[in-house]
């Protein structure tokens, strides 16, 4: 099992949980909480248990107390709160590799380069969320970061369907090409970006038209 394998599994876990919660969100509250022939009795209790299990194992991996008291503990009685906690936990799992890389890469003149290469190796490309964390660590803008990455030798582009986040017009667009590759004619915004291009207003400098 390589670090890249673990990153792939974390991404799958995030995707699967998103699909699961989307389906559960369409249920009535009665159906969502109804007792069923399942080990934890209801969909609500089962979703809580899955989050409980993740926090227990992450606590063991990080050698930190998880705060979990029982495997059937109801962490959140409200679906919206549970959903938000699940999303936050999945983001934490998905970004753990880059956190470890930043933490374990010692200070040196080429620290940024080494962090970028290590992140690219861990994820197989440079995800936007990981890049934001690196940019914050080094006090860089996202444009600076991706410009630096584009100049590195053997810096791989995003796999099909993943997209390398590129700052364009102040927004986050994605394509399937590396930052140093051939630019696509048009690239769609990521799923979380529901702003349309015609809604963007660009500020013009004085004296320009």
Foldseek 3Di string as FASTA:
>chain_A
DDLQVQLVVLVVVLVVLVVVLVVLVPDDPCQQAQADPDPLGGNQQVLQLVVVVLLVVVCVVVVHDSPDDDSSDRPDPDSVVSSVVVNVSSVCSNQVQLVVLVVPQDDDPCSLVSSLVSCCVNNVAQAPVSLVVSCVVVVHDSQVSLVVLLPDPPHAFAAPPRFHWDQDLNATFGDRGHSNDDDDPDTHRDPVDPDDPVNDDDDDDPPDD
